[in-house]
């Protein structure tokens, strides 16, 4: 991909599929794990309340998360240019290891 979003796409797609299948109690608990999880939960809930998870709604969730992570740590989560990031680094922000 020319926008170097592969790791973000993978994380968002997997989390969206998992989120969709979980009960509300799990969703409420997960959303409180981090600011990134809260942001994704908002985007996932919006997608579920409309037409469901479509590529455009997942792209929006990905872009919102990328903006948040870039603002928090631009060197680890570059937003522009031909530089990727590791999926594990994204997951560490969404679900910090000390909470797992």
N, C-alpha and C. Protein backbone atom coordinates (compact mmCIF):
# COMPACT_ATOMS: atom_id res chain seq x y z
N UNK A 1 0.84 -1.19 0.00
CA UNK A 1 0.00 0.00 0.00
C UNK A 1 0.88 1.24 0.00
N UNK A 2 0.49 2.24 -0.75
CA UNK A 2 1.30 3.44 -0.85
C UNK A 2 1.21 4.32 0.40
N UNK A 3 0.25 4.06 1.28
CA UNK A 3 0.16 4.86 2.50
C UNK A 3 0.76 4.14 3.71
N UNK A 4 1.41 3.03 3.47
CA UNK A 4 2.12 2.28 4.51
C UNK A 4 1.22 1.97 5.71
N UNK A 5 0.02 1.51 5.43
CA UNK A 5 -0.95 1.27 6.50
C UNK A 5 -1.17 -0.21 6.80
N UNK A 6 -0.34 -1.08 6.27
CA UNK A 6 -0.57 -2.53 6.41
C UNK A 6 -0.72 -2.98 7.86
N UNK A 7 0.16 -2.56 8.73
CA UNK A 7 0.08 -2.97 10.13
C UNK A 7 -1.20 -2.45 10.77
N UNK A 8 -1.54 -1.21 10.46
CA UNK A 8 -2.77 -0.61 11.01
C UNK A 8 -4.00 -1.34 10.48
N UNK A 9 -4.00 -1.64 9.18
CA UNK A 9 -5.13 -2.36 8.58
C UNK A 9 -5.31 -3.73 9.24
N UNK A 10 -4.22 -4.43 9.45
CA UNK A 10 -4.28 -5.76 10.06
C UNK A 10 -4.84 -5.68 11.48
N UNK A 11 -4.35 -4.75 12.27
CA UNK A 11 -4.81 -4.61 13.65
C UNK A 11 -6.28 -4.23 13.70
N UNK A 12 -6.67 -3.22 12.92
CA UNK A 12 -8.06 -2.76 12.94
C UNK A 12 -9.01 -3.86 12.45
N UNK A 13 -8.64 -4.57 11.40
CA UNK A 13 -9.50 -5.63 10.87
C UNK A 13 -9.69 -6.74 11.89
N UNK A 14 -8.62 -7.18 12.52
CA UNK A 14 -8.71 -8.24 13.53
C UNK A 14 -9.52 -7.79 14.74
N UNK A 15 -9.25 -6.58 15.22
CA UNK A 15 -9.98 -6.08 16.39
C UNK A 15 -11.46 -5.86 16.07
N UNK A 16 -11.77 -5.39 14.88
CA UNK A 16 -13.17 -5.18 14.49
C UNK A 16 -13.92 -6.50 14.46
N UNK A 17 -13.31 -7.53 13.90
CA UNK A 17 -13.95 -8.84 13.86
C UNK A 17 -14.18 -9.38 15.26
N UNK A 18 -13.21 -9.22 16.13
CA UNK A 18 -13.34 -9.67 17.51
C UNK A 18 -14.40 -8.85 18.24
N UNK A 19 -14.37 -7.54 18.08
CA UNK A 19 -15.30 -6.64 18.75
C UNK A 19 -16.74 -6.97 18.38
N UNK A 20 -16.96 -7.24 17.12
CA UNK A 20 -18.30 -7.51 16.61
C UNK A 20 -18.93 -8.72 17.30
N UNK A 21 -18.12 -9.70 17.67
CA UNK A 21 -18.62 -10.95 18.24
C UNK A 21 -18.75 -10.93 19.77
N UNK A 22 -18.27 -9.90 20.42
CA UNK A 22 -18.24 -9.87 21.88
C UNK A 22 -19.52 -9.25 22.47
N UNK A 23 -19.87 -9.66 23.69
CA UNK A 23 -21.03 -9.05 24.36
C UNK A 23 -20.71 -7.62 24.80
N UNK A 24 -21.75 -6.88 25.10
CA UNK A 24 -21.58 -5.48 25.52
C UNK A 24 -20.68 -5.36 26.75
N UNK A 25 -20.75 -6.30 27.68
CA UNK A 25 -19.92 -6.22 28.88
C UNK A 25 -18.44 -6.26 28.53
N UNK A 26 -18.07 -7.12 27.59
CA UNK A 26 -16.67 -7.19 27.15
C UNK A 26 -16.29 -5.90 26.44
N UNK A 27 -17.16 -5.40 25.57
CA UNK A 27 -16.88 -4.17 24.83
C UNK A 27 -16.65 -3.00 25.79
N UNK A 28 -17.49 -2.90 26.81
CA UNK A 28 -17.34 -1.81 27.78
C UNK A 28 -16.03 -1.91 28.53
N UNK A 29 -15.64 -3.11 28.90
CA UNK A 29 -14.37 -3.30 29.61
C UNK A 29 -13.19 -2.99 28.70
N UNK A 30 -13.22 -3.48 27.48
CA UNK A 30 -12.12 -3.27 26.53
C UNK A 30 -11.92 -1.80 26.22
N UNK A 31 -13.00 -1.09 26.05
CA UNK A 31 -12.93 0.32 25.69
C UNK A 31 -12.17 1.13 26.75
N UNK A 32 -12.16 0.67 27.99
CA UNK A 32 -11.50 1.40 29.07
C UNK A 32 -10.01 1.08 29.21
N UNK A 33 -9.46 0.24 28.34
CA UNK A 33 -8.05 -0.13 28.45
C UNK A 33 -7.10 0.98 28.04
N UNK A 34 -7.51 1.84 27.11
CA UNK A 34 -6.62 2.91 26.64
C UNK A 34 -7.43 3.91 25.81
N UNK A 35 -6.82 5.06 25.56
CA UNK A 35 -7.46 6.06 24.71
C UNK A 35 -7.65 5.52 23.30
N UNK A 36 -6.69 4.73 22.82
CA UNK A 36 -6.80 4.16 21.47
C UNK A 36 -7.95 3.15 21.40
N UNK A 37 -8.11 2.33 22.44
CA UNK A 37 -9.22 1.38 22.47
C UNK A 37 -10.55 2.12 22.52
N UNK A 38 -10.59 3.20 23.28
CA UNK A 38 -11.82 3.99 23.36
C UNK A 38 -12.18 4.58 21.99
N UNK A 39 -11.19 5.11 21.31
CA UNK A 39 -11.41 5.68 19.98
C UNK A 39 -11.90 4.61 19.00
N UNK A 40 -11.27 3.45 19.03
CA UNK A 40 -11.70 2.36 18.15
C UNK A 40 -13.11 1.90 18.49
N UNK A 41 -13.43 1.81 19.78
CA UNK A 41 -14.77 1.39 20.19
C UNK A 41 -15.83 2.35 19.65
N UNK A 42 -15.55 3.64 19.70
CA UNK A 42 -16.49 4.62 19.15
C UNK A 42 -16.69 4.38 17.66
N UNK A 43 -15.59 4.21 16.94
CA UNK A 43 -15.69 3.97 15.49
C UNK A 43 -16.38 2.64 15.19
N UNK A 44 -16.07 1.60 15.95
CA UNK A 44 -16.70 0.30 15.73
C UNK A 44 -18.20 0.37 16.02
N UNK A 45 -18.59 1.05 17.10
CA UNK A 45 -20.01 1.18 17.42
C UNK A 45 -20.75 1.96 16.34
N UNK A 46 -20.12 2.99 15.83
CA UNK A 46 -20.72 3.76 14.74
C UNK A 46 -20.93 2.87 13.52
N UNK A 47 -19.93 2.09 13.20
CA UNK A 47 -20.03 1.19 12.04
C UNK A 47 -21.12 0.14 12.25
N UNK A 48 -21.20 -0.41 13.45
CA UNK A 48 -22.20 -1.45 13.72
C UNK A 48 -23.61 -0.89 13.72
N UNK A 49 -23.78 0.37 14.14
CA UNK A 49 -25.12 0.94 14.20
C UNK A 49 -25.61 1.39 12.83
N UNK A 50 -24.70 1.49 11.88
CA UNK A 50 -25.12 1.84 10.52
C UNK A 50 -25.22 0.57 9.70
N UNK A 51 -24.51 0.49 8.65
CA UNK A 51 -24.61 -0.66 7.74
C UNK A 51 -23.66 -1.80 8.09
N UNK A 52 -23.01 -1.72 9.22
CA UNK A 52 -22.06 -2.77 9.58
C UNK A 52 -20.65 -2.42 9.12
N UNK A 53 -19.74 -3.33 9.37
CA UNK A 53 -18.35 -3.07 9.03
C UNK A 53 -18.16 -3.15 7.52
N UNK A 54 -17.85 -2.03 6.94
CA UNK A 54 -17.51 -1.96 5.53
C UNK A 54 -16.08 -1.45 5.45
N UNK A 55 -15.50 -1.57 4.30
CA UNK A 55 -14.12 -1.10 4.14
C UNK A 55 -13.99 0.36 4.51
N UNK A 56 -14.96 1.19 4.14
CA UNK A 56 -14.85 2.62 4.42
C UNK A 56 -14.90 2.90 5.91
N UNK A 57 -15.73 2.17 6.67
CA UNK A 57 -15.80 2.41 8.11
C UNK A 57 -14.53 1.93 8.80
N UNK A 58 -13.94 0.85 8.31
CA UNK A 58 -12.68 0.39 8.89
C UNK A 58 -11.54 1.32 8.51
N UNK A 59 -11.58 1.88 7.32
CA UNK A 59 -10.57 2.87 6.93
C UNK A 59 -10.65 4.10 7.82
N UNK A 60 -11.85 4.53 8.15
CA UNK A 60 -12.01 5.68 9.05
C UNK A 60 -11.43 5.36 10.43
N UNK A 61 -11.74 4.16 10.95
CA UNK A 61 -11.21 3.75 12.25
C UNK A 61 -9.68 3.72 12.22
N UNK A 62 -9.13 3.16 11.15
CA UNK A 62 -7.67 3.10 10.99
C UNK A 62 -7.06 4.49 10.98
N UNK A 63 -7.64 5.39 10.21
CA UNK A 63 -7.08 6.74 10.10
C UNK A 63 -7.18 7.50 11.41
N UNK A 64 -8.28 7.35 12.13
CA UNK A 64 -8.40 8.00 13.44
C UNK A 64 -7.34 7.48 14.40
N UNK A 65 -7.13 6.15 14.38
CA UNK A 65 -6.12 5.57 15.26
C UNK A 65 -4.72 6.03 14.87
N UNK A 66 -4.44 6.07 13.59
CA UNK A 66 -3.12 6.53 13.13
C UNK A 66 -2.85 7.96 13.58
N UNK A 67 -3.85 8.81 13.46
CA UNK A 67 -3.69 10.20 13.89
C UNK A 67 -3.40 10.28 15.39
N UNK A 68 -4.13 9.50 16.19
CA UNK A 68 -3.93 9.50 17.64
C UNK A 68 -2.53 9.00 18.00
N UNK A 69 -2.10 7.90 17.39
CA UNK A 69 -0.79 7.33 17.71
C UNK A 69 0.34 8.24 17.23
N UNK A 70 0.17 8.83 16.07
CA UNK A 70 1.18 9.77 15.56
C UNK A 70 1.33 10.96 16.51
N UNK A 71 0.22 11.49 16.99
CA UNK A 71 0.26 12.63 17.91
C UNK A 71 0.98 12.25 19.21
N UNK A 72 0.81 11.02 19.65
CA UNK A 72 1.43 10.57 20.90
C UNK A 72 2.91 10.25 20.74
N UNK A 73 3.30 9.71 19.57
CA UNK A 73 4.69 9.29 19.38
C UNK A 73 5.03 9.27 17.89
N UNK A 74 5.36 10.43 17.31
CA UNK A 74 5.60 10.49 15.87
C UNK A 74 6.78 9.65 15.38
N UNK A 75 7.76 9.40 16.22
CA UNK A 75 8.90 8.60 15.76
C UNK A 75 8.54 7.12 15.68
N UNK A 76 7.70 6.64 16.58
CA UNK A 76 7.30 5.23 16.57
C UNK A 76 6.15 4.98 15.60
N UNK A 77 5.30 5.98 15.42
CA UNK A 77 4.12 5.85 14.57
C UNK A 77 4.09 6.94 13.51
N UNK A 78 5.03 6.88 12.55
CA UNK A 78 5.06 7.91 11.50
C UNK A 78 3.75 7.89 10.71
N UNK A 79 3.26 9.06 10.42
CA UNK A 79 1.97 9.16 9.73
C UNK A 79 2.13 9.24 8.21
N UNK A 80 3.23 9.80 7.77
CA UNK A 80 3.43 10.02 6.33
C UNK A 80 4.80 9.52 5.91
N UNK A 81 4.90 9.18 4.65
CA UNK A 81 6.18 8.73 4.12
C UNK A 81 6.27 7.22 4.06
N UNK A 82 7.34 6.78 3.47
CA UNK A 82 7.57 5.36 3.24
C UNK A 82 8.22 4.70 4.44
N UNK A 83 7.52 4.77 5.57
CA UNK A 83 8.02 4.18 6.81
C UNK A 83 6.88 3.41 7.46
N UNK A 84 7.11 2.16 7.74
CA UNK A 84 6.08 1.34 8.37
C UNK A 84 6.23 1.31 9.88
N UNK A 85 5.33 0.60 10.51
CA UNK A 85 5.41 0.38 11.94
C UNK A 85 5.01 -1.07 12.21
N UNK A 86 5.35 -1.57 13.36
CA UNK A 86 5.05 -2.96 13.70
C UNK A 86 3.68 -3.08 14.35
N UNK A 87 2.94 -4.11 13.97
CA UNK A 87 1.62 -4.34 14.55
C UNK A 87 1.70 -4.49 16.06
N UNK A 88 2.75 -5.11 16.56
CA UNK A 88 2.89 -5.30 18.00
C UNK A 88 3.00 -3.96 18.73
N UNK A 89 3.64 -2.97 18.11
CA UNK A 89 3.73 -1.65 18.73
C UNK A 89 2.35 -0.99 18.81
N UNK A 90 1.55 -1.18 17.79
CA UNK A 90 0.19 -0.65 17.80
C UNK A 90 -0.62 -1.33 18.90
N UNK A 91 -0.53 -2.65 18.97
CA UNK A 91 -1.27 -3.40 19.99
C UNK A 91 -0.83 -3.03 21.40
N UNK A 92 0.45 -2.74 21.58
CA UNK A 92 0.94 -2.34 22.91
C UNK A 92 0.30 -1.04 23.38
N UNK A 93 -0.07 -0.18 22.46
CA UNK A 93 -0.73 1.07 22.85
C UNK A 93 -2.22 0.83 23.10
N UNK A 94 -2.84 0.03 22.26
CA UNK A 94 -4.28 -0.23 22.40
C UNK A 94 -4.56 -1.05 23.66
N UNK A 95 -3.77 -2.08 23.89
CA UNK A 95 -3.94 -2.95 25.05
C UNK A 95 -2.59 -3.10 25.73
N UNK A 96 -2.24 -2.15 26.59
CA UNK A 96 -0.92 -2.20 27.25
C UNK A 96 -0.67 -3.55 27.92
N UNK A 97 0.56 -4.01 27.82
CA UNK A 97 0.92 -5.33 28.35
C UNK A 97 0.60 -5.48 29.83
N UNK A 98 0.74 -4.40 30.60
CA UNK A 98 0.47 -4.52 32.03
C UNK A 98 -1.01 -4.77 32.32
N UNK A 99 -1.88 -4.56 31.33
CA UNK A 99 -3.31 -4.82 31.51
C UNK A 99 -3.73 -6.18 30.98
N UNK A 100 -2.82 -6.88 30.32
CA UNK A 100 -3.18 -8.19 29.75
C UNK A 100 -3.06 -9.28 30.77
